[in-house]
PDB file of N, CA and C in Angstrom:
ATOM      1  N   UNK A   1      29.163  57.217 126.637  1.00  0.00           N
ATOM      2  CA  UNK A   1      30.461  57.939 127.025  1.00  0.00           C
ATOM      3  C   UNK A   1      31.107  58.716 125.891  1.00  0.00           C
ATOM      4  N   UNK A   2      31.348  59.709 126.417  1.00  0.00           N
ATOM      5  CA  UNK A   2      31.652  60.989 125.921  1.00  0.00           C
ATOM      6  C   UNK A   2      33.100  61.297 126.570  1.00  0.00           C
ATOM      7  N   UNK A   3      34.224  61.906 125.816  1.00  0.00           N
ATOM      8  CA  UNK A   3      35.064  62.249 125.826  1.00  0.00           C
ATOM      9  C   UNK A   3      35.204  63.824 125.364  1.00  0.00           C
ATOM     10  N   UNK A   4      35.532  64.927 126.420  1.00  0.00           N
ATOM     11  CA  UNK A   4      35.364  66.251 126.051  1.00  0.00           C
ATOM     12  C   UNK A   4      36.969  66.976 126.652  1.00  0.00           C
ATOM     13  N   UNK A   5      37.176  68.051 126.386  1.00  0.00           N
ATOM     14  CA  UNK A   5      38.269  68.558 126.455  1.00  0.00           C
ATOM     15  C   UNK A   5      38.064  70.217 127.220  1.00  0.00           C
ATOM     16  N   UNK A   6      38.921  70.118 128.334  1.00  0.00           N
ATOM     17  CA  UNK A   6      38.681  71.451 128.891  1.00  0.00           C
ATOM     18  C   UNK A   6      40.251  72.401 129.223  1.00  0.00           C
ATOM     19  N   UNK A   7      39.955  73.030 129.275  1.00  0.00           N
ATOM     20  CA  UNK A   7      40.841  74.266 129.993  1.00  0.00           C
ATOM     21  C   UNK A   7      41.704  75.169 128.597  1.00  0.00           C
ATOM     22  N   UNK A   8      40.622  74.903 127.909  1.00  0.00           N
ATOM     23  CA  UNK A   8      41.247  76.540 126.672  1.00  0.00           C
ATOM     24  C   UNK A   8      40.838  77.640 127.257  1.00  0.00           C
ATOM     25  N   UNK A   9      41.535  78.566 126.501  1.00  0.00           N
ATOM     26  CA  UNK A   9      42.382  80.119 127.350  1.00  0.00           C
ATOM     27  C   UNK A   9      41.961  81.161 125.809  1.00  0.00           C
ATOM     28  N   UNK A  10      40.896  81.842 126.929  1.00  0.00           N
ATOM     29  CA  UNK A  10      40.766  83.117 125.995  1.00  0.00           C
ATOM     30  C   UNK A  10      40.102  82.614 124.425  1.00  0.00           C
ATOM     31  N   UNK A  11      40.257  83.470 123.331  1.00  0.00           N
ATOM     32  CA  UNK A  11      39.701  82.889 122.148  1.00  0.00           C
ATOM     33  C   UNK A  11      40.174  81.928 121.138  1.00  0.00           C
ATOM     34  N   UNK A  12      41.579  81.783 121.854  1.00  0.00           N
ATOM     35  CA  UNK A  12      41.975  80.357 120.774  1.00  0.00           C
ATOM     36  C   UNK A  12      41.146  79.493 120.487  1.00  0.00           C
ATOM     37  N   UNK A  13      41.083  78.854 119.266  1.00  0.00           N
ATOM     38  CA  UNK A  13      40.935  77.566 119.427  1.00  0.00           C
ATOM     39  C   UNK A  13      41.556  76.425 119.736  1.00  0.00           C
ATOM     40  N   UNK A  14      40.666  75.565 120.710  1.00  0.00           N
ATOM     41  CA  UNK A  14      41.338  74.445 121.748  1.00  0.00           C
ATOM     42  C   UNK A  14      41.268  72.983 120.902  1.00  0.00           C
ATOM     43  N   UNK A  15      41.005  71.995 121.481  1.00  0.00           N
ATOM     44  CA  UNK A  15      40.536  70.551 121.303  1.00  0.00           C
ATOM     45  C   UNK A  15      39.066  70.570 121.344  1.00  0.00           C
ATOM     46  N   UNK A  16      38.734  69.708 120.708  1.00  0.00           N
ATOM     47  CA  UNK A  16      37.360  70.070 120.782  1.00  0.00           C
ATOM     48  C   UNK A  16      36.518  68.732 120.711  1.00  0.00           C
ATOM     49  N   UNK A  17      35.367  68.382 121.402  1.00  0.00           N
ATOM     50  CA  UNK A  17      34.812  69.100 121.621  1.00  0.00           C
ATOM     51  C   UNK A  17      34.803  69.856 122.774  1.00  0.00           C
ATOM     52  N   UNK A  18      34.231  71.197 123.408  1.00  0.00           N
ATOM     53  CA  UNK A  18      34.607  71.765 124.581  1.00  0.00           C
ATOM     54  C   UNK A  18      33.685  71.386 125.445  1.00  0.00           C
ATOM     55  N   UNK A  19      34.438  71.212 126.748  1.00  0.00           N
ATOM     56  CA  UNK A  19      33.476  70.557 127.733  1.00  0.00           C
ATOM     57  C   UNK A  19      32.121  71.174 128.201  1.00  0.00           C
ATOM     58  N   UNK A  20      32.181  72.630 128.292  1.00  0.00           N
ATOM     59  CA  UNK A  20      31.215  73.617 128.726  1.00  0.00           C
ATOM     60  C   UNK A  20      30.219  73.629 127.719  1.00  0.00           C
ATOM     61  N   UNK A  21      30.604  73.370 126.338  1.00  0.00           N
ATOM     62  CA  UNK A  21      29.381  73.479 125.281  1.00  0.00           C
ATOM     63  C   UNK A  21      28.521  72.057 125.404  1.00  0.00           C
ATOM     64  N   UNK A  22      29.345  71.235 125.610  1.00  0.00           N
ATOM     65  CA  UNK A  22      28.934  69.829 125.694  1.00  0.00           C
ATOM     66  C   UNK A  22      27.737  69.944 126.891  1.00  0.00           C
ATOM     67  N   UNK A  23      28.529  70.358 127.813  1.00  0.00           N
ATOM     68  CA  UNK A  23      27.182  70.228 129.213  1.00  0.00           C
ATOM     69  C   UNK A  23      25.814  71.115 129.222  1.00  0.00           C
ATOM     70  N   UNK A  24      26.392  71.747 128.303  1.00  0.00           N
ATOM     71  CA  UNK A  24      24.996  73.012 127.879  1.00  0.00           C
ATOM     72  C   UNK A  24      24.145  71.752 126.990  1.00  0.00           C
ATOM     73  N   UNK A  25      24.312  71.302 125.861  1.00  0.00           N
ATOM     74  CA  UNK A  25      23.466  70.192 124.890  1.00  0.00           C
ATOM     75  C   UNK A  25      23.198  69.212 125.977  1.00  0.00           C
ATOM     76  N   UNK A  26      23.571  68.285 126.602  1.00  0.00           N
ATOM     77  CA  UNK A  26      23.539  67.035 127.149  1.00  0.00           C
ATOM     78  C   UNK A  26      21.806  67.419 127.006  1.00  0.00           C
ATOM     79  N   UNK A  27      21.718  68.225 128.029  1.00  0.00           N
ATOM     80  CA  UNK A  27      19.726  68.008 129.118  1.00  0.00           C
ATOM     81  C   UNK A  27      19.156  68.000 127.570  1.00  0.00           C
ATOM     82  N   UNK A  28      19.035  68.910 126.572  1.00  0.00           N
ATOM     83  CA  UNK A  28      18.614  69.112 125.411  1.00  0.00           C
ATOM     84  C   UNK A  28      18.517  67.572 124.975  1.00  0.00           C
ATOM     85  N   UNK A  29      19.479  66.948 124.426  1.00  0.00           N
ATOM     86  CA  UNK A  29      19.545  65.701 124.141  1.00  0.00           C
ATOM     87  C   UNK A  29      18.966  64.289 125.107  1.00  0.00           C
ATOM     88  N   UNK A  30      18.304  64.401 126.149  1.00  0.00           N
ATOM     89  CA  UNK A  30      17.916  63.522 127.386  1.00  0.00           C
ATOM     90  C   UNK A  30      18.632  63.135 128.004  1.00  0.00           C
ATOM     91  N   UNK A  31      19.731  63.967 128.420  1.00  0.00           N
ATOM     92  CA  UNK A  31      20.739  63.381 129.417  1.00  0.00           C
ATOM     93  C   UNK A  31      20.286  63.977 130.647  1.00  0.00           C
ATOM     94  N   UNK A  32      19.970  63.768 131.443  1.00  0.00           N
ATOM     95  CA  UNK A  32      19.712  64.306 132.798  1.00  0.00           C
ATOM     96  C   UNK A  32      20.256  64.150 133.885  1.00  0.00           C
ATOM     97  N   UNK A  33      21.086  62.741 133.862  1.00  0.00           N
ATOM     98  CA  UNK A  33      21.891  62.553 134.845  1.00  0.00           C
ATOM     99  C   UNK A  33      23.599  61.992 134.527  1.00  0.00           C
ATOM    100  N   UNK A  34      24.458  62.756 135.225  1.00  0.00           N
ATOM    101  CA  UNK A  34      25.970  62.478 134.654  1.00  0.00           C
ATOM    102  C   UNK A  34      27.005  62.366 135.281  1.00  0.00           C
ATOM    103  N   UNK A  35      27.608  61.330 135.228  1.00  0.00           N
ATOM    104  CA  UNK A  35      29.237  61.323 136.113  1.00  0.00           C
ATOM    105  C   UNK A  35      30.016  61.647 135.242  1.00  0.00           C
ATOM    106  N   UNK A  36      30.947  62.064 136.146  1.00  0.00           N
ATOM    107  CA  UNK A  36      32.194  63.010 135.418  1.00  0.00           C
ATOM    108  C   UNK A  36      33.165  62.197 136.129  1.00  0.00           C
ATOM    109  N   UNK A  37      34.199  61.766 135.173  1.00  0.00           N
ATOM    110  CA  UNK A  37      35.836  61.706 135.559  1.00  0.00           C
ATOM    111  C   UNK A  37      36.402  62.743 134.755  1.00  0.00           C
ATOM    112  N   UNK A  38      37.777  62.690 135.645  1.00  0.00           N
ATOM    113  CA  UNK A  38      38.806  63.342 135.002  1.00  0.00           C
ATOM    114  C   UNK A  38      40.131  62.135 134.564  1.00  0.00           C
ATOM    115  N   UNK A  39      40.041  61.648 134.130  1.00  0.00           N
ATOM    116  CA  UNK A  39      41.556  60.659 134.101  1.00  0.00           C
ATOM    117  C   UNK A  39      42.470  61.390 133.577  1.00  0.00           C
ATOM    118  N   UNK A  40      42.872  62.541 133.124  1.00  0.00           N
ATOM    119  CA  UNK A  40      43.744  63.317 132.379  1.00  0.00           C
ATOM    120  C   UNK A  40      44.755  64.070 133.745  1.00  0.00           C
ATOM    121  N   UNK A  41      43.534  64.230 134.903  1.00  0.00           N
ATOM    122  CA  UNK A  41      43.983  65.295 135.887  1.00  0.00           C
ATOM    123  C   UNK A  41      44.248  64.534 137.479  1.00  0.00           C
ATOM    124  N   UNK A  42      44.647  63.604 137.044  1.00  0.00           N
ATOM    125  CA  UNK A  42      44.694  62.909 138.216  1.00  0.00           C
ATOM    126  C   UNK A  42      45.921  62.859 139.093  1.00  0.00           C
ATOM    127  N   UNK A  43      46.933  63.713 138.941  1.00  0.00           N
ATOM    128  CA  UNK A  43      48.005  64.294 140.236  1.00  0.00           C
ATOM    129  C   UNK A  43      48.077  65.688 139.885  1.00  0.00           C
ATOM    130  N   UNK A  44      47.714  66.838 139.061  1.00  0.00           N
ATOM    131  CA  UNK A  44      47.700  68.216 139.228  1.00  0.00           C
ATOM    132  C   UNK A  44      46.806  68.448 138.481  1.00  0.00           C
ATOM    133  N   UNK A  45      46.827  69.917 138.128  1.00  0.00           N
ATOM    134  CA  UNK A  45      45.782  70.786 137.743  1.00  0.00           C
ATOM    135  C   UNK A  45      44.508  71.440 138.367  1.00  0.00           C
ATOM    136  N   UNK A  46      45.228  71.608 139.827  1.00  0.00           N
ATOM    137  CA  UNK A  46      43.873  71.484 140.737  1.00  0.00           C
ATOM    138  C   UNK A  46      42.780  72.587 140.486  1.00  0.00           C
ATOM    139  N   UNK A  47      42.940  73.689 139.626  1.00  0.00           N
ATOM    140  CA  UNK A  47      42.276  74.787 138.987  1.00  0.00           C
ATOM    141  C   UNK A  47      41.283  73.816 137.905  1.00  0.00           C
ATOM    142  N   UNK A  48      41.898  72.809 137.116  1.00  0.00           N
ATOM    143  CA  UNK A  48      40.980  72.885 136.001  1.00  0.00           C
ATOM    144  C   UNK A  48      39.857  71.215 137.232  1.00  0.00           C
ATOM    145  N   UNK A  49      40.688  70.615 137.482  1.00  0.00           N
ATOM    146  CA  UNK A  49      39.589  69.881 138.899  1.00  0.00           C
ATOM    147  C   UNK A  49      38.467  70.695 139.132  1.00  0.00           C
ATOM    148  N   UNK A  50      38.862  71.913 139.837  1.00  0.00           N
ATOM    149  CA  UNK A  50      37.436  72.561 140.429  1.00  0.00           C
ATOM    150  C   UNK A  50      36.769  73.188 139.146  1.00  0.00           C
ATOM    151  N   UNK A  51      37.652  73.369 138.515  1.00  0.00           N
ATOM    152  CA  UNK A  51      36.440  74.064 137.461  1.00  0.00           C
ATOM    153  C   UNK A  51      35.368  72.826 136.863  1.00  0.00           C
ATOM    154  N   UNK A  52      35.775  71.583 136.856  1.00  0.00           N
ATOM    155  CA  UNK A  52      34.933  70.768 136.092  1.00  0.00           C
ATOM    156  C   UNK A  52      33.950  70.164 137.430  1.00  0.00           C
ATOM    157  N   UNK A  53      34.853  70.104 138.565  1.00  0.00           N
ATOM    158  CA  UNK A  53      33.536  70.084 140.097  1.00  0.00           C
ATOM    159  C   UNK A  53      32.357  70.884 140.259  1.00  0.00           C
ATOM    160  N   UNK A  54      32.745  71.784 139.974  1.00  0.00           N
ATOM    161  CA  UNK A  54      32.161  73.061 140.656  1.00  0.00           C
ATOM    162  C   UNK A  54      31.581  73.848 139.156  1.00  0.00           C
ATOM    163  N   UNK A  55      32.188  74.371 138.824  1.00  0.00           N
ATOM    164  CA  UNK A  55      31.467  75.085 137.456  1.00  0.00           C
ATOM    165  C   UNK A  55      30.816  74.174 136.009  1.00  0.00           C
ATOM    166  N   UNK A  56      31.310  72.727 136.028  1.00  0.00           N
ATOM    167  CA  UNK A  56      30.450  71.849 135.280  1.00  0.00           C
ATOM    168  C   UNK A  56      29.254  71.836 135.725  1.00  0.00           C
ATOM    169  N   UNK A  57      29.153  71.601 136.976  1.00  0.00           N
ATOM    170  CA  UNK A  57      28.368  70.870 137.913  1.00  0.00           C
ATOM    171  C   UNK A  57      27.246  72.110 137.632  1.00  0.00           C
ATOM    172  N   UNK A  58      27.206  73.275 137.755  1.00  0.00           N
ATOM    173  CA  UNK A  58      26.335  74.726 137.677  1.00  0.00           C
ATOM    174  C   UNK A  58      26.080  74.715 135.776  1.00  0.00           C
ATOM    175  N   UNK A  59      26.830  74.759 135.323  1.00  0.00           N
ATOM    176  CA  UNK A  59      26.568  74.840 133.987  1.00  0.00           C
ATOM    177  C   UNK A  59      25.295  73.653 133.735  1.00  0.00           C
ATOM    178  N   UNK A  60      25.833  72.384 133.556  1.00  0.00           N
ATOM    179  CA  UNK A  60      24.760  70.990 133.465  1.00  0.00           C
ATOM    180  C   UNK A  60      23.547  71.111 134.145  1.00  0.00           C
ATOM    181  N   UNK A  61      23.225  71.568 135.133  1.00  0.00           N
ATOM    182  CA  UNK A  61      22.052  71.849 136.279  1.00  0.00           C
ATOM    183  C   UNK A  61      21.885  72.727 135.723  1.00  0.00           C
ATOM    184  N   UNK A  62      21.923  73.952 135.184  1.00  0.00           N
ATOM    185  CA  UNK A  62      21.484  75.316 134.581  1.00  0.00           C
ATOM    186  C   UNK A  62      21.036  74.927 133.338  1.00  0.00           C
ATOM    187  N   UNK A  63      21.060  73.969 132.557  1.00  0.00           N
ATOM    188  CA  UNK A  63      20.841  73.455 131.540  1.00  0.00           C
ATOM    189  C   UNK A  63      19.874  72.710 131.271  1.00  0.00           C
ATOM    190  N   UNK A  64      19.619  72.296 132.813  1.00  0.00           N
ATOM    191  CA  UNK A  64      18.286  71.434 132.715  1.00  0.00           C
ATOM    192  C   UNK A  64      18.742  70.093 133.249  1.00  0.00           C
ATOM    193  N   UNK A  65      19.931  69.639 133.493  1.00  0.00           N
ATOM    194  CA  UNK A  65      20.599  68.411 133.681  1.00  0.00           C
ATOM    195  C   UNK A  65      19.939  68.302 135.498  1.00  0.00           C
ATOM    196  N   UNK A  66      19.872  67.360 135.791  1.00  0.00           N
ATOM    197  CA  UNK A  66      18.836  66.923 137.045  1.00  0.00           C
ATOM    198  C   UNK A  66      20.130  66.386 138.181  1.00  0.00           C
ATOM    199  N   UNK A  67      21.140  65.732 137.832  1.00  0.00           N
ATOM    200  CA  UNK A  67      22.287  65.122 138.642  1.00  0.00           C
ATOM    201  C   UNK A  67      23.633  64.860 137.897  1.00  0.00           C
ATOM    202  N   UNK A  68      24.247  65.416 138.403  1.00  0.00           N
ATOM    203  CA  UNK A  68      25.621  65.464 138.447  1.00  0.00           C
ATOM    204  C   UNK A  68      26.519  65.081 139.240  1.00  0.00           C
ATOM    205  N   UNK A  69      27.598  64.118 138.974  1.00  0.00           N
ATOM    206  CA  UNK A  69      28.332  63.083 140.155  1.00  0.00           C
ATOM    207  C   UNK A  69      29.339  63.225 139.761  1.00  0.00           C
ATOM    208  N   UNK A  70      30.454  64.180 140.237  1.00  0.00           N
ATOM    209  CA  UNK A  70      31.972  64.191 139.793  1.00  0.00           C
ATOM    210  C   UNK A  70      32.211  63.056 140.487  1.00  0.00           C
ATOM    211  N   UNK A  71      33.409  62.183 139.703  1.00  0.00           N
ATOM    212  CA  UNK A  71      34.129  61.165 140.697  1.00  0.00           C
ATOM    213  C   UNK A  71      35.388  61.857 140.795  1.00  0.00           C
ATOM    214  N   UNK A  72      36.090  61.813 142.225  1.00  0.00           N
ATOM    215  CA  UNK A  72      37.616  62.331 142.341  1.00  0.00           C
ATOM    216  C   UNK A  72      38.304  61.739 141.507  1.00  0.00           C
ATOM    217  N   UNK A  73      39.396  62.306 141.366  1.00  0.00           N
ATOM    218  CA  UNK A  73      40.740  61.683 140.777  1.00  0.00           C
ATOM    219  C   UNK A  73      41.523  60.697 141.813  1.00  0.00           C
ATOM    220  N   UNK A  74      42.236  60.147 141.485  1.00  0.00           N
ATOM    221  CA  UNK A  74      43.180  58.812 141.973  1.00  0.00           C
ATOM    222  C   UNK A  74      43.409  59.448 143.147  1.00  0.00           C
ATOM    223  N   UNK A  75      43.969  60.667 143.196  1.00  0.00           N
ATOM    224  CA  UNK A  75      44.491  61.176 144.332  1.00  0.00           C
ATOM    225  C   UNK A  75      44.112  61.805 145.416  1.00  0.00           C
ATOM    226  N   UNK A  76      42.639  61.682 145.573  1.00  0.00           N
ATOM    227  CA  UNK A  76      42.115  62.005 146.082  1.00  0.00           C
ATOM    228  C   UNK A  76      41.605  62.350 147.528  1.00  0.00           C
ATOM    229  N   UNK A  77      42.264  61.047 148.053  1.00  0.00           N
ATOM    230  CA  UNK A  77      42.145  60.834 149.680  1.00  0.00           C
ATOM    231  C   UNK A  77      43.474  60.292 150.118  1.00  0.00           C
ATOM    232  N   UNK A  78      44.265  60.485 151.435  1.00  0.00           N
ATOM    233  CA  UNK A  78      45.607  59.541 151.635  1.00  0.00           C
ATOM    234  C   UNK A  78      45.473  58.232 151.490  1.00  0.00           C
ATOM    235  N   UNK A  79      46.872  57.959 150.989  1.00  0.00           N
ATOM    236  CA  UNK A  79      46.738  56.551 150.925  1.00  0.00           C
ATOM    237  C   UNK A  79      46.549  55.527 152.197  1.00  0.00           C
ATOM    238  N   UNK A  80      45.695  54.396 152.098  1.00  0.00           N
ATOM    239  CA  UNK A  80      45.680  53.475 153.162  1.00  0.00           C
ATOM    240  C   UNK A  80      45.999  52.019 153.132  1.00  0.00           C
ATOM    241  N   UNK A  81      47.103  51.891 151.945  1.00  0.00           N
ATOM    242  CA  UNK A  81      47.771  50.159 151.758  1.00  0.00           C
ATOM    243  C   UNK A  81      48.577  50.503 153.570  1.00  0.00           C
ATOM    244  N   UNK A  82      48.966  49.149 153.322  1.00  0.00           N
ATOM    245  CA  UNK A  82      49.906  49.023 154.614  1.00  0.00           C
ATOM    246  C   UNK A  82      50.263  48.039 154.185  1.00  0.00           C
TER     247      UNK A  82
END
């Protein structure tokens, strides 16, 4: 399990390791299948969720990954409790 940080802006240094840079390296380290969750973005930050589920998928596959499984956040579907 790895923790990475998303949402850096411009050239300013941000919390590391960066998500995109990590995804570029993982296939070279033998990681070909990846499950991704974003527990810190369970309620808002829809732009970041889109970056992770779409742009990160492309980054990982372009780097040689074979399977990228984005696990949706907690509020992804309507409540079904009665």
